[in-house]
Amino acid sequence: MEKVLAEIKDKLVSADDNTEITSRTLRPLYPNTTLRVPFNWSTCLQNISLSGLQNSSFFKKEIGTFDSSGNPTIIIDTIKMNNYNQYNNLCKNVLRQ
């Protein structure tokens, strides 16, 4: 899935949106630190590829679980959960347009 999204990304994301989103930084340890990392398309597409797998045993064991509203209830790996949430929130908005 990640490979397919990478191949068609430029058809889904305008140059202006790409410039705007790649200028952003994310906080993988949020809210525990001010550490910020640059946006990365590969990481973004990897996290988008996980969408829909939240109920799989892999996701629950490696990342965590969500309630019916999409809020994390159990966090197994803080960095993975934060990356998943932040990248999905950023990228879904850009890719939907």
N, C-alpha and C. Protein backbone atom coordinates (compact mmCIF):
# COMPACT_ATOMS: atom_id res chain seq x y z
N MET A 1 0.82 -1.19 0.00
CA MET A 1 0.00 0.00 0.00
C MET A 1 0.87 1.25 0.00
N GLU A 2 1.91 1.24 0.84
CA GLU A 2 2.80 2.40 0.92
C GLU A 2 3.45 2.67 -0.43
N LYS A 3 3.86 1.63 -1.12
CA LYS A 3 4.52 1.78 -2.42
C LYS A 3 3.55 2.37 -3.45
N VAL A 4 2.32 1.89 -3.46
CA VAL A 4 1.32 2.41 -4.39
C VAL A 4 1.03 3.87 -4.12
N LEU A 5 0.86 4.22 -2.85
CA LEU A 5 0.62 5.62 -2.50
C LEU A 5 1.79 6.51 -2.90
N ALA A 6 3.02 6.02 -2.74
CA ALA A 6 4.20 6.79 -3.13
C ALA A 6 4.20 7.04 -4.64
N GLU A 7 3.77 6.05 -5.40
CA GLU A 7 3.76 6.19 -6.85
C GLU A 7 2.74 7.21 -7.34
N ILE A 8 1.64 7.37 -6.61
CA ILE A 8 0.58 8.28 -7.07
C ILE A 8 0.48 9.57 -6.25
N LYS A 9 1.36 9.73 -5.27
CA LYS A 9 1.29 10.89 -4.38
C LYS A 9 1.25 12.21 -5.14
N ASP A 10 2.10 12.35 -6.14
CA ASP A 10 2.17 13.62 -6.87
C ASP A 10 0.89 13.92 -7.64
N LYS A 11 0.09 12.91 -7.91
CA LYS A 11 -1.20 13.12 -8.57
C LYS A 11 -2.29 13.50 -7.57
N LEU A 12 -2.04 13.16 -6.30
CA LEU A 12 -3.03 13.42 -5.25
C LEU A 12 -2.75 14.70 -4.46
N VAL A 13 -1.49 15.13 -4.47
CA VAL A 13 -1.08 16.26 -3.65
C VAL A 13 -0.56 17.37 -4.56
N SER A 14 -1.16 18.53 -4.47
CA SER A 14 -0.71 19.65 -5.30
C SER A 14 0.67 20.12 -4.83
N ALA A 15 1.37 20.82 -5.70
CA ALA A 15 2.70 21.34 -5.35
C ALA A 15 2.62 22.27 -4.15
N ASP A 16 1.57 23.11 -4.09
CA ASP A 16 1.40 24.02 -2.95
C ASP A 16 1.17 23.26 -1.66
N ASP A 17 0.30 22.23 -1.71
CA ASP A 17 0.05 21.42 -0.51
C ASP A 17 1.32 20.68 -0.09
N ASN A 18 2.07 20.18 -1.06
CA ASN A 18 3.32 19.47 -0.75
C ASN A 18 4.30 20.41 -0.06
N THR A 19 4.44 21.62 -0.56
CA THR A 19 5.34 22.60 0.05
C THR A 19 4.91 22.91 1.47
N GLU A 20 3.61 23.09 1.67
CA GLU A 20 3.08 23.43 3.00
C GLU A 20 3.29 22.28 3.98
N ILE A 21 2.96 21.08 3.57
CA ILE A 21 3.03 19.95 4.51
C ILE A 21 4.47 19.55 4.81
N THR A 22 5.36 19.65 3.82
CA THR A 22 6.75 19.26 4.07
C THR A 22 7.50 20.30 4.91
N SER A 23 6.91 21.46 5.10
CA SER A 23 7.53 22.46 5.97
C SER A 23 7.17 22.23 7.44
N ARG A 24 6.29 21.31 7.70
CA ARG A 24 5.83 21.06 9.07
C ARG A 24 6.79 20.16 9.84
N THR A 25 6.63 20.21 11.15
CA THR A 25 7.35 19.30 12.03
C THR A 25 6.33 18.58 12.90
N LEU A 26 6.72 17.41 13.38
CA LEU A 26 5.85 16.62 14.24
C LEU A 26 6.53 16.39 15.58
N ARG A 27 5.73 16.04 16.55
CA ARG A 27 6.24 15.80 17.91
C ARG A 27 5.99 14.34 18.28
N PRO A 28 6.97 13.46 18.00
CA PRO A 28 6.76 12.03 18.25
C PRO A 28 6.59 11.66 19.71
N LEU A 29 7.09 12.46 20.62
CA LEU A 29 6.94 12.16 22.05
C LEU A 29 5.86 13.00 22.70
N TYR A 30 5.07 13.69 21.87
CA TYR A 30 4.02 14.58 22.34
C TYR A 30 3.17 13.86 23.38
N PRO A 31 2.77 14.44 24.47
CA PRO A 31 3.07 15.81 24.92
C PRO A 31 4.26 15.87 25.87
N ASN A 32 5.07 14.81 25.89
CA ASN A 32 6.13 14.71 26.89
C ASN A 32 7.39 15.52 26.61
N THR A 33 7.53 16.07 25.42
CA THR A 33 8.76 16.79 25.11
C THR A 33 8.51 17.81 24.01
N THR A 34 9.46 18.68 23.83
CA THR A 34 9.36 19.66 22.76
C THR A 34 10.13 19.19 21.52
N LEU A 35 10.71 17.98 21.56
CA LEU A 35 11.43 17.44 20.41
C LEU A 35 10.52 17.47 19.19
N ARG A 36 11.05 17.99 18.09
CA ARG A 36 10.29 18.06 16.85
C ARG A 36 11.10 17.41 15.75
N VAL A 37 10.42 16.70 14.87
CA VAL A 37 11.10 16.05 13.74
C VAL A 37 10.44 16.54 12.45
N PRO A 38 11.22 16.65 11.38
CA PRO A 38 10.65 17.11 10.11
C PRO A 38 9.66 16.11 9.52
N PHE A 39 8.66 16.63 8.84
CA PHE A 39 7.71 15.79 8.13
C PHE A 39 8.47 14.94 7.12
N ASN A 40 8.01 13.69 6.95
CA ASN A 40 8.65 12.77 6.02
C ASN A 40 7.56 12.02 5.27
N TRP A 41 7.55 12.13 3.93
CA TRP A 41 6.49 11.48 3.15
C TRP A 41 6.49 9.97 3.32
N SER A 42 7.65 9.35 3.38
CA SER A 42 7.70 7.89 3.53
C SER A 42 7.02 7.45 4.83
N THR A 43 7.32 8.16 5.91
CA THR A 43 6.70 7.85 7.20
C THR A 43 5.21 8.14 7.16
N CYS A 44 4.84 9.20 6.49
CA CYS A 44 3.43 9.55 6.34
C CYS A 44 2.67 8.42 5.63
N LEU A 45 3.20 7.98 4.50
CA LEU A 45 2.52 6.94 3.72
C LEU A 45 2.50 5.61 4.46
N GLN A 46 3.54 5.34 5.23
CA GLN A 46 3.55 4.13 6.05
C GLN A 46 2.43 4.18 7.08
N ASN A 47 2.25 5.33 7.73
CA ASN A 47 1.21 5.45 8.74
C ASN A 47 -0.19 5.45 8.13
N ILE A 48 -0.34 6.06 6.96
CA ILE A 48 -1.64 6.02 6.29
C ILE A 48 -1.98 4.58 5.91
N SER A 49 -0.97 3.80 5.55
CA SER A 49 -1.20 2.41 5.18
C SER A 49 -1.72 1.58 6.36
N LEU A 50 -1.46 2.04 7.57
CA LEU A 50 -1.96 1.34 8.75
C LEU A 50 -3.44 1.63 9.02
N SER A 51 -3.98 2.66 8.36
CA SER A 51 -5.39 3.00 8.57
C SER A 51 -6.27 1.81 8.23
N GLY A 52 -7.22 1.55 9.08
CA GLY A 52 -8.11 0.43 8.89
C GLY A 52 -7.62 -0.83 9.60
N LEU A 53 -6.41 -0.79 10.11
CA LEU A 53 -5.86 -1.95 10.80
C LEU A 53 -5.90 -1.80 12.32
N GLN A 54 -6.57 -0.76 12.80
CA GLN A 54 -6.59 -0.48 14.23
C GLN A 54 -7.14 -1.63 15.07
N ASN A 55 -7.98 -2.47 14.47
CA ASN A 55 -8.55 -3.60 15.23
C ASN A 55 -7.76 -4.89 15.05
N SER A 56 -6.69 -4.84 14.28
CA SER A 56 -5.88 -6.05 14.07
C SER A 56 -5.03 -6.31 15.31
N SER A 57 -4.69 -7.57 15.53
CA SER A 57 -3.87 -7.91 16.70
C SER A 57 -2.50 -7.25 16.62
N PHE A 58 -1.93 -7.14 15.41
CA PHE A 58 -0.63 -6.47 15.26
C PHE A 58 -0.71 -5.04 15.78
N PHE A 59 -1.70 -4.28 15.31
CA PHE A 59 -1.82 -2.89 15.70
C PHE A 59 -2.01 -2.78 17.22
N LYS A 60 -2.89 -3.59 17.76
CA LYS A 60 -3.16 -3.53 19.20
C LYS A 60 -1.94 -3.89 20.03
N LYS A 61 -1.12 -4.83 19.56
CA LYS A 61 0.07 -5.26 20.30
C LYS A 61 1.26 -4.32 20.12
N GLU A 62 1.35 -3.68 18.96
CA GLU A 62 2.51 -2.84 18.65
C GLU A 62 2.28 -1.36 18.91
N ILE A 63 1.03 -0.91 18.74
CA ILE A 63 0.76 0.53 18.83
C ILE A 63 -0.21 0.85 19.95
N GLY A 64 -1.38 0.24 19.94
CA GLY A 64 -2.37 0.47 20.99
C GLY A 64 -3.78 0.31 20.49
N THR A 65 -4.74 0.76 21.28
CA THR A 65 -6.15 0.63 20.93
C THR A 65 -6.83 2.00 21.02
N PHE A 66 -8.00 2.06 20.37
CA PHE A 66 -8.79 3.29 20.30
C PHE A 66 -10.20 3.03 20.80
N ASP A 67 -10.86 4.07 21.30
CA ASP A 67 -12.28 3.95 21.63
C ASP A 67 -13.10 4.21 20.36
N SER A 68 -14.40 4.18 20.48
CA SER A 68 -15.27 4.32 19.30
C SER A 68 -15.19 5.72 18.67
N SER A 69 -14.67 6.70 19.40
CA SER A 69 -14.51 8.04 18.86
C SER A 69 -13.14 8.25 18.21
N GLY A 70 -12.29 7.24 18.25
CA GLY A 70 -10.97 7.34 17.64
C GLY A 70 -9.89 7.87 18.57
N ASN A 71 -10.20 7.96 19.86
CA ASN A 71 -9.21 8.41 20.83
C ASN A 71 -8.45 7.21 21.38
N PRO A 72 -7.12 7.34 21.54
CA PRO A 72 -6.35 6.23 22.09
C PRO A 72 -6.82 5.88 23.51
N THR A 73 -6.99 4.59 23.77
CA THR A 73 -7.37 4.15 25.11
C THR A 73 -6.22 3.43 25.79
N ILE A 74 -5.49 2.63 25.02
CA ILE A 74 -4.29 1.96 25.52
C ILE A 74 -3.17 2.28 24.55
N ILE A 75 -2.08 2.79 25.06
CA ILE A 75 -0.93 3.13 24.21
C ILE A 75 0.21 2.18 24.58
N ILE A 76 0.59 1.35 23.62
CA ILE A 76 1.69 0.41 23.83
C ILE A 76 3.02 1.10 23.52
N ASP A 77 3.06 1.81 22.41
CA ASP A 77 4.28 2.51 21.99
C ASP A 77 3.92 3.96 21.70
N THR A 78 4.35 4.86 22.58
CA THR A 78 3.98 6.27 22.48
C THR A 78 4.42 6.88 21.16
N ILE A 79 5.64 6.61 20.74
CA ILE A 79 6.15 7.20 19.50
C ILE A 79 5.34 6.71 18.31
N LYS A 80 5.08 5.41 18.23
CA LYS A 80 4.30 4.88 17.10
C LYS A 80 2.88 5.45 17.11
N MET A 81 2.27 5.53 18.28
CA MET A 81 0.91 6.06 18.37
C MET A 81 0.88 7.53 17.96
N ASN A 82 1.82 8.31 18.46
CA ASN A 82 1.84 9.73 18.11
C ASN A 82 2.13 9.94 16.64
N ASN A 83 3.09 9.19 16.08
CA ASN A 83 3.36 9.28 14.65
C ASN A 83 2.12 8.91 13.84
N TYR A 84 1.48 7.82 14.23
CA TYR A 84 0.27 7.39 13.52
C TYR A 84 -0.78 8.50 13.52
N ASN A 85 -1.08 9.03 14.69
CA ASN A 85 -2.12 10.06 14.80
C ASN A 85 -1.74 11.35 14.08
N GLN A 86 -0.52 11.83 14.30
CA GLN A 86 -0.12 13.10 13.70
C GLN A 86 -0.03 13.01 12.18
N TYR A 87 0.59 11.95 11.67
CA TYR A 87 0.70 11.81 10.22
C TYR A 87 -0.67 11.60 9.58
N ASN A 88 -1.51 10.81 10.21
CA ASN A 88 -2.84 10.62 9.63
C ASN A 88 -3.64 11.90 9.62
N ASN A 89 -3.57 12.67 10.68
CA ASN A 89 -4.31 13.93 10.71
C ASN A 89 -3.80 14.90 9.65
N LEU A 90 -2.50 15.01 9.49
CA LEU A 90 -1.94 15.90 8.48
C LEU A 90 -2.24 15.42 7.06
N CYS A 91 -1.94 14.16 6.81
CA CYS A 91 -1.99 13.65 5.44
C CYS A 91 -3.40 13.41 4.92
N LYS A 92 -4.28 12.97 5.76
CA LYS A 92 -5.65 12.73 5.29
C LYS A 92 -6.28 14.02 4.79
N ASN A 93 -6.00 15.13 5.46
CA ASN A 93 -6.54 16.41 5.03
C ASN A 93 -6.02 16.79 3.65
N VAL A 94 -4.74 16.57 3.40
CA VAL A 94 -4.15 16.93 2.12
C VAL A 94 -4.58 15.96 1.03
N LEU A 95 -4.62 14.66 1.33
CA LEU A 95 -4.94 13.66 0.32
C LEU A 95 -6.43 13.63 -0.03
N ARG A 96 -7.28 14.17 0.81
CA ARG A 96 -8.73 14.17 0.53
C ARG A 96 -9.13 15.22 -0.50
N GLN A 97 -8.33 16.25 -0.65
CA GLN A 97 -8.71 17.37 -1.50
C GLN A 97 -8.69 17.02 -2.95
